């Protein structure tokens, strides 16, 4: 457990609390742990739900569907991004890509060192095996879909 906590860059007490069900994880924490375990986020969630399952510094995500094909596992989320300082998400395992379609607002997202911007009706795609950000441009909350693609190993 110590090695996993160290690799995920979270405290051992945090990881222990997650394991025991005594801590409520943030989106960033779940991504940090699942990336080190080499599994999709959905592997640690109970399944699709009507209410937001996880919240991060700026993003709330509702898992809508998990599906597989011969080459990958896909997770489809409805996300909302709140105005403010934004969210830095840790890198996923190699080969993972994120696809965001914006329904309302203007979103800046993607690799932390080269983010992309899209308004309502726009689409963003990036390799998310590097730290990446989600930030609202302006004062309007962003509503979007997020599709994560985890390639088979």
C-alpha atoms as a PDB file:
ATOM      1  CA  UNK A   1       0.000   0.000   0.000  1.00  0.00           C
ATOM      2  CA  UNK A   2       2.884   2.375   0.752  1.00  0.00           C
ATOM      3  CA  UNK A   3       4.344   1.883  -2.723  1.00  0.00           C
ATOM      4  CA  UNK A   4       0.995   2.569  -4.419  1.00  0.00           C
ATOM      5  CA  UNK A   5       0.437   5.695  -2.324  1.00  0.00           C
ATOM      6  CA  UNK A   6       3.930   6.923  -3.188  1.00  0.00           C
ATOM      7  CA  UNK A   7       3.498   6.246  -6.949  1.00  0.00           C
ATOM      8  CA  UNK A   8       0.053   7.898  -6.964  1.00  0.00           C
ATOM      9  CA  UNK A   9       1.454  10.838  -4.964  1.00  0.00           C
ATOM     10  CA  UNK A  10      -1.207  10.602  -2.279  1.00  0.00           C
ATOM     11  CA  UNK A  11      -0.895  10.028   1.447  1.00  0.00           C
ATOM     12  CA  UNK A  12      -0.903   6.486   2.803  1.00  0.00           C
ATOM     13  CA  UNK A  13      -3.691   7.516   5.205  1.00  0.00           C
ATOM     14  CA  UNK A  14      -5.757   8.714   2.230  1.00  0.00           C
ATOM     15  CA  UNK A  15      -5.284   5.407   0.421  1.00  0.00           C
ATOM     16  CA  UNK A  16      -6.088   3.458   3.579  1.00  0.00           C
ATOM     17  CA  UNK A  17      -9.244   5.537   4.077  1.00  0.00           C
ATOM     18  CA  UNK A  18     -10.333   4.791   0.509  1.00  0.00           C
ATOM     19  CA  UNK A  19      -9.747   1.085   1.015  1.00  0.00           C
ATOM     20  CA  UNK A  20     -11.730   1.098   4.273  1.00  0.00           C
ATOM     21  CA  UNK A  21     -14.538   3.258   2.882  1.00  0.00           C
ATOM     22  CA  UNK A  22     -13.964   5.997   5.456  1.00  0.00           C
ATOM     23  CA  UNK A  23     -12.809   8.668   2.981  1.00  0.00           C
ATOM     24  CA  UNK A  24     -14.645  10.290   0.116  1.00  0.00           C
ATOM     25  CA  UNK A  25     -12.187  10.486  -2.796  1.00  0.00           C
ATOM     26  CA  UNK A  26     -11.899  13.380  -5.225  1.00  0.00           C
ATOM     27  CA  UNK A  27     -11.777  12.831  -8.959  1.00  0.00           C
ATOM     28  CA  UNK A  28      -8.066  13.685  -8.950  1.00  0.00           C
ATOM     29  CA  UNK A  29      -7.337  11.074  -6.260  1.00  0.00           C
ATOM     30  CA  UNK A  30      -9.262   8.341  -8.080  1.00  0.00           C
ATOM     31  CA  UNK A  31      -7.473   9.078 -11.351  1.00  0.00           C
ATOM     32  CA  UNK A  32      -4.075   9.079  -9.603  1.00  0.00           C
ATOM     33  CA  UNK A  33      -4.720   5.656  -8.056  1.00  0.00           C
ATOM     34  CA  UNK A  34      -6.302   4.005 -11.103  1.00  0.00           C
ATOM     35  CA  UNK A  35      -3.504   5.263 -13.358  1.00  0.00           C
ATOM     36  CA  UNK A  36      -0.960   3.537 -11.114  1.00  0.00           C
ATOM     37  CA  UNK A  37      -3.037   0.356 -11.042  1.00  0.00           C
ATOM     38  CA  UNK A  38      -3.370   0.436 -14.837  1.00  0.00           C
ATOM     39  CA  UNK A  39      -7.176   0.211 -14.771  1.00  0.00           C
ATOM     40  CA  UNK A  40      -9.962   2.505 -16.031  1.00  0.00           C
ATOM     41  CA  UNK A  41     -11.696   4.756 -13.515  1.00  0.00           C
ATOM     42  CA  UNK A  42     -14.893   2.734 -13.917  1.00  0.00           C
ATOM     43  CA  UNK A  43     -13.097  -0.267 -12.386  1.00  0.00           C
ATOM     44  CA  UNK A  44     -13.351   1.377  -8.955  1.00  0.00           C
ATOM     45  CA  UNK A  45     -16.847   2.817  -9.358  1.00  0.00           C
ATOM     46  CA  UNK A  46     -20.026   0.929  -8.612  1.00  0.00           C
ATOM     47  CA  UNK A  47     -21.602   1.670 -12.005  1.00  0.00           C
ATOM     48  CA  UNK A  48     -23.735   4.233 -13.806  1.00  0.00           C
ATOM     49  CA  UNK A  49     -25.726   6.481 -11.480  1.00  0.00           C
ATOM     50  CA  UNK A  50     -28.171   9.363 -11.667  1.00  0.00           C
ATOM     51  CA  UNK A  51     -26.152  11.653  -9.383  1.00  0.00           C
ATOM     52  CA  UNK A  52     -22.560  12.880  -9.742  1.00  0.00           C
ATOM     53  CA  UNK A  53     -20.309  10.116  -8.502  1.00  0.00           C
ATOM     54  CA  UNK A  54     -17.095  12.036  -8.154  1.00  0.00           C
ATOM     55  CA  UNK A  55     -16.094  15.646  -7.830  1.00  0.00           C
ATOM     56  CA  UNK A  56     -12.756  17.280  -8.337  1.00  0.00           C
ATOM     57  CA  UNK A  57     -11.532  20.814  -7.803  1.00  0.00           C
ATOM     58  CA  UNK A  58     -13.670  22.044 -10.728  1.00  0.00           C
ATOM     59  CA  UNK A  59     -15.182  18.982 -12.433  1.00  0.00           C
ATOM     60  CA  UNK A  60     -18.150  16.888 -11.363  1.00  0.00           C
ATOM     61  CA  UNK A  61     -18.619  13.688 -13.370  1.00  0.00           C
ATOM     62  CA  UNK A  62     -21.529  11.285 -13.713  1.00  0.00           C
ATOM     63  CA  UNK A  63     -20.686   7.900 -15.202  1.00  0.00           C
ATOM     64  CA  UNK A  64     -23.257   7.154 -17.905  1.00  0.00           C
ATOM     65  CA  UNK A  65     -21.905   4.017 -19.556  1.00  0.00           C
ATOM     66  CA  UNK A  66     -18.941   1.667 -19.779  1.00  0.00           C
ATOM     67  CA  UNK A  67     -18.491  -0.372 -22.933  1.00  0.00           C
ATOM     68  CA  UNK A  68     -15.816  -2.544 -24.503  1.00  0.00           C
ATOM     69  CA  UNK A  69     -14.677  -3.524 -27.950  1.00  0.00           C
ATOM     70  CA  UNK A  70     -11.782  -5.688 -29.083  1.00  0.00           C
ATOM     71  CA  UNK A  71      -9.255  -2.876 -28.726  1.00  0.00           C
ATOM     72  CA  UNK A  72     -10.342  -0.775 -25.743  1.00  0.00           C
ATOM     73  CA  UNK A  73     -12.611  -0.018 -22.809  1.00  0.00           C
ATOM     74  CA  UNK A  74     -14.607   3.210 -23.013  1.00  0.00           C
ATOM     75  CA  UNK A  75     -16.140   5.296 -20.227  1.00  0.00           C
ATOM     76  CA  UNK A  76     -18.770   7.895 -21.045  1.00  0.00           C
ATOM     77  CA  UNK A  77     -19.406  10.679 -18.519  1.00  0.00           C
ATOM     78  CA  UNK A  78     -21.596  13.744 -18.289  1.00  0.00           C
ATOM     79  CA  UNK A  79     -19.401  16.459 -16.808  1.00  0.00           C
ATOM     80  CA  UNK A  80     -19.863  19.936 -15.450  1.00  0.00           C
ATOM     81  CA  UNK A  81     -16.924  22.279 -15.025  1.00  0.00           C
ATOM     82  CA  UNK A  82     -17.340  25.148 -12.578  1.00  0.00           C
ATOM     83  CA  UNK A  83     -15.892  28.603 -13.214  1.00  0.00           C
ATOM     84  CA  UNK A  84     -12.839  29.404 -11.139  1.00  0.00           C
ATOM     85  CA  UNK A  85      -9.269  28.193 -10.888  1.00  0.00           C
ATOM     86  CA  UNK A  86      -9.865  24.958 -12.809  1.00  0.00           C
ATOM     87  CA  UNK A  87      -8.596  21.457 -12.218  1.00  0.00           C
ATOM     88  CA  UNK A  88      -5.286  19.722 -12.856  1.00  0.00           C
ATOM     89  CA  UNK A  89      -5.772  16.000 -13.436  1.00  0.00           C
ATOM     90  CA  UNK A  90      -2.914  13.507 -13.148  1.00  0.00           C
ATOM     91  CA  UNK A  91      -1.670  11.515 -16.122  1.00  0.00           C
ATOM     92  CA  UNK A  92      -3.505   8.324 -17.056  1.00  0.00           C
ATOM     93  CA  UNK A  93      -1.697   5.200 -18.179  1.00  0.00           C
ATOM     94  CA  UNK A  94      -0.005   5.304 -21.628  1.00  0.00           C
ATOM     95  CA  UNK A  95      -2.337   5.281 -24.609  1.00  0.00           C
ATOM     96  CA  UNK A  96      -5.413   6.710 -22.865  1.00  0.00           C
ATOM     97  CA  UNK A  97      -7.237   9.412 -24.832  1.00  0.00           C
ATOM     98  CA  UNK A  98      -9.951  11.846 -23.789  1.00  0.00           C
ATOM     99  CA  UNK A  99     -12.668  13.221 -26.066  1.00  0.00           C
ATOM    100  CA  UNK A 100     -14.804  16.130 -24.849  1.00  0.00           C
ATOM    101  CA  UNK A 101     -17.860  17.542 -26.609  1.00  0.00           C
ATOM    102  CA  UNK A 102     -18.977  20.882 -25.176  1.00  0.00           C
ATOM    103  CA  UNK A 103     -22.731  21.521 -24.904  1.00  0.00           C
ATOM    104  CA  UNK A 104     -22.694  24.857 -23.031  1.00  0.00           C
ATOM    105  CA  UNK A 105     -20.010  27.355 -22.085  1.00  0.00           C
ATOM    106  CA  UNK A 106     -16.401  27.589 -23.214  1.00  0.00           C
ATOM    107  CA  UNK A 107     -13.857  25.009 -22.038  1.00  0.00           C
ATOM    108  CA  UNK A 108     -10.072  25.070 -22.036  1.00  0.00           C
ATOM    109  CA  UNK A 109      -8.804  21.523 -21.540  1.00  0.00           C
ATOM    110  CA  UNK A 110      -6.046  19.164 -22.550  1.00  0.00           C
ATOM    111  CA  UNK A 111      -2.360  18.755 -21.778  1.00  0.00           C
ATOM    112  CA  UNK A 112      -1.331  21.205 -19.063  1.00  0.00           C
ATOM    113  CA  UNK A 113       1.438  22.589 -21.269  1.00  0.00           C
ATOM    114  CA  UNK A 114      -0.718  22.913 -24.427  1.00  0.00           C
ATOM    115  CA  UNK A 115      -4.446  23.163 -23.598  1.00  0.00           C
ATOM    116  CA  UNK A 116      -7.111  23.439 -26.292  1.00  0.00           C
ATOM    117  CA  UNK A 117     -10.281  25.565 -26.275  1.00  0.00           C
ATOM    118  CA  UNK A 118     -13.806  24.756 -27.478  1.00  0.00           C
ATOM    119  CA  UNK A 119     -17.164  26.509 -27.220  1.00  0.00           C
ATOM    120  CA  UNK A 120     -20.628  24.920 -27.326  1.00  0.00           C
ATOM    121  CA  UNK A 121     -20.770  22.481 -30.239  1.00  0.00           C
ATOM    122  CA  UNK A 122     -17.006  22.021 -30.264  1.00  0.00           C
ATOM    123  CA  UNK A 123     -14.938  18.908 -29.626  1.00  0.00           C
ATOM    124  CA  UNK A 124     -11.518  18.408 -28.027  1.00  0.00           C
ATOM    125  CA  UNK A 125      -9.300  15.310 -28.136  1.00  0.00           C
ATOM    126  CA  UNK A 126      -5.929  14.655 -26.526  1.00  0.00           C
ATOM    127  CA  UNK A 127      -3.629  11.931 -25.248  1.00  0.00           C
ATOM    128  CA  UNK A 128      -4.163  12.019 -21.494  1.00  0.00           C
ATOM    129  CA  UNK A 129      -1.053  10.143 -20.417  1.00  0.00           C
ATOM    130  CA  UNK A 130       0.293  13.511 -19.262  1.00  0.00           C
ATOM    131  CA  UNK A 131      -1.059  15.906 -16.608  1.00  0.00           C
ATOM    132  CA  UNK A 132      -4.050  17.730 -18.098  1.00  0.00           C
ATOM    133  CA  UNK A 133      -6.370  20.563 -17.155  1.00  0.00           C
ATOM    134  CA  UNK A 134     -10.036  21.525 -17.235  1.00  0.00           C
ATOM    135  CA  UNK A 135     -10.751  25.260 -16.977  1.00  0.00           C
ATOM    136  CA  UNK A 136     -13.796  27.384 -17.791  1.00  0.00           C
ATOM    137  CA  UNK A 137     -13.208  30.391 -20.035  1.00  0.00           C
ATOM    138  CA  UNK A 138     -15.485  33.137 -18.724  1.00  0.00           C
ATOM    139  CA  UNK A 139     -18.141  32.899 -16.025  1.00  0.00           C
ATOM    140  CA  UNK A 140     -20.523  30.284 -17.478  1.00  0.00           C
ATOM    141  CA  UNK A 141     -20.413  26.723 -16.151  1.00  0.00           C
ATOM    142  CA  UNK A 142     -19.448  24.231 -18.855  1.00  0.00           C
ATOM    143  CA  UNK A 143     -21.689  21.256 -19.635  1.00  0.00           C
ATOM    144  CA  UNK A 144     -20.032  18.538 -21.706  1.00  0.00           C
ATOM    145  CA  UNK A 145     -19.604  14.854 -22.372  1.00  0.00           C
ATOM    146  CA  UNK A 146     -16.309  13.115 -21.698  1.00  0.00           C
ATOM    147  CA  UNK A 147     -15.343   9.874 -23.405  1.00  0.00           C
ATOM    148  CA  UNK A 148     -12.224   8.152 -22.085  1.00  0.00           C
ATOM    149  CA  UNK A 149     -10.641   5.411 -24.191  1.00  0.00           C
ATOM    150  CA  UNK A 150      -8.404   2.915 -22.374  1.00  0.00           C
ATOM    151  CA  UNK A 151      -6.541   0.697 -24.875  1.00  0.00           C
ATOM    152  CA  UNK A 152      -6.178  -3.005 -24.152  1.00  0.00           C
ATOM    153  CA  UNK A 153      -2.724  -4.032 -23.044  1.00  0.00           C
END
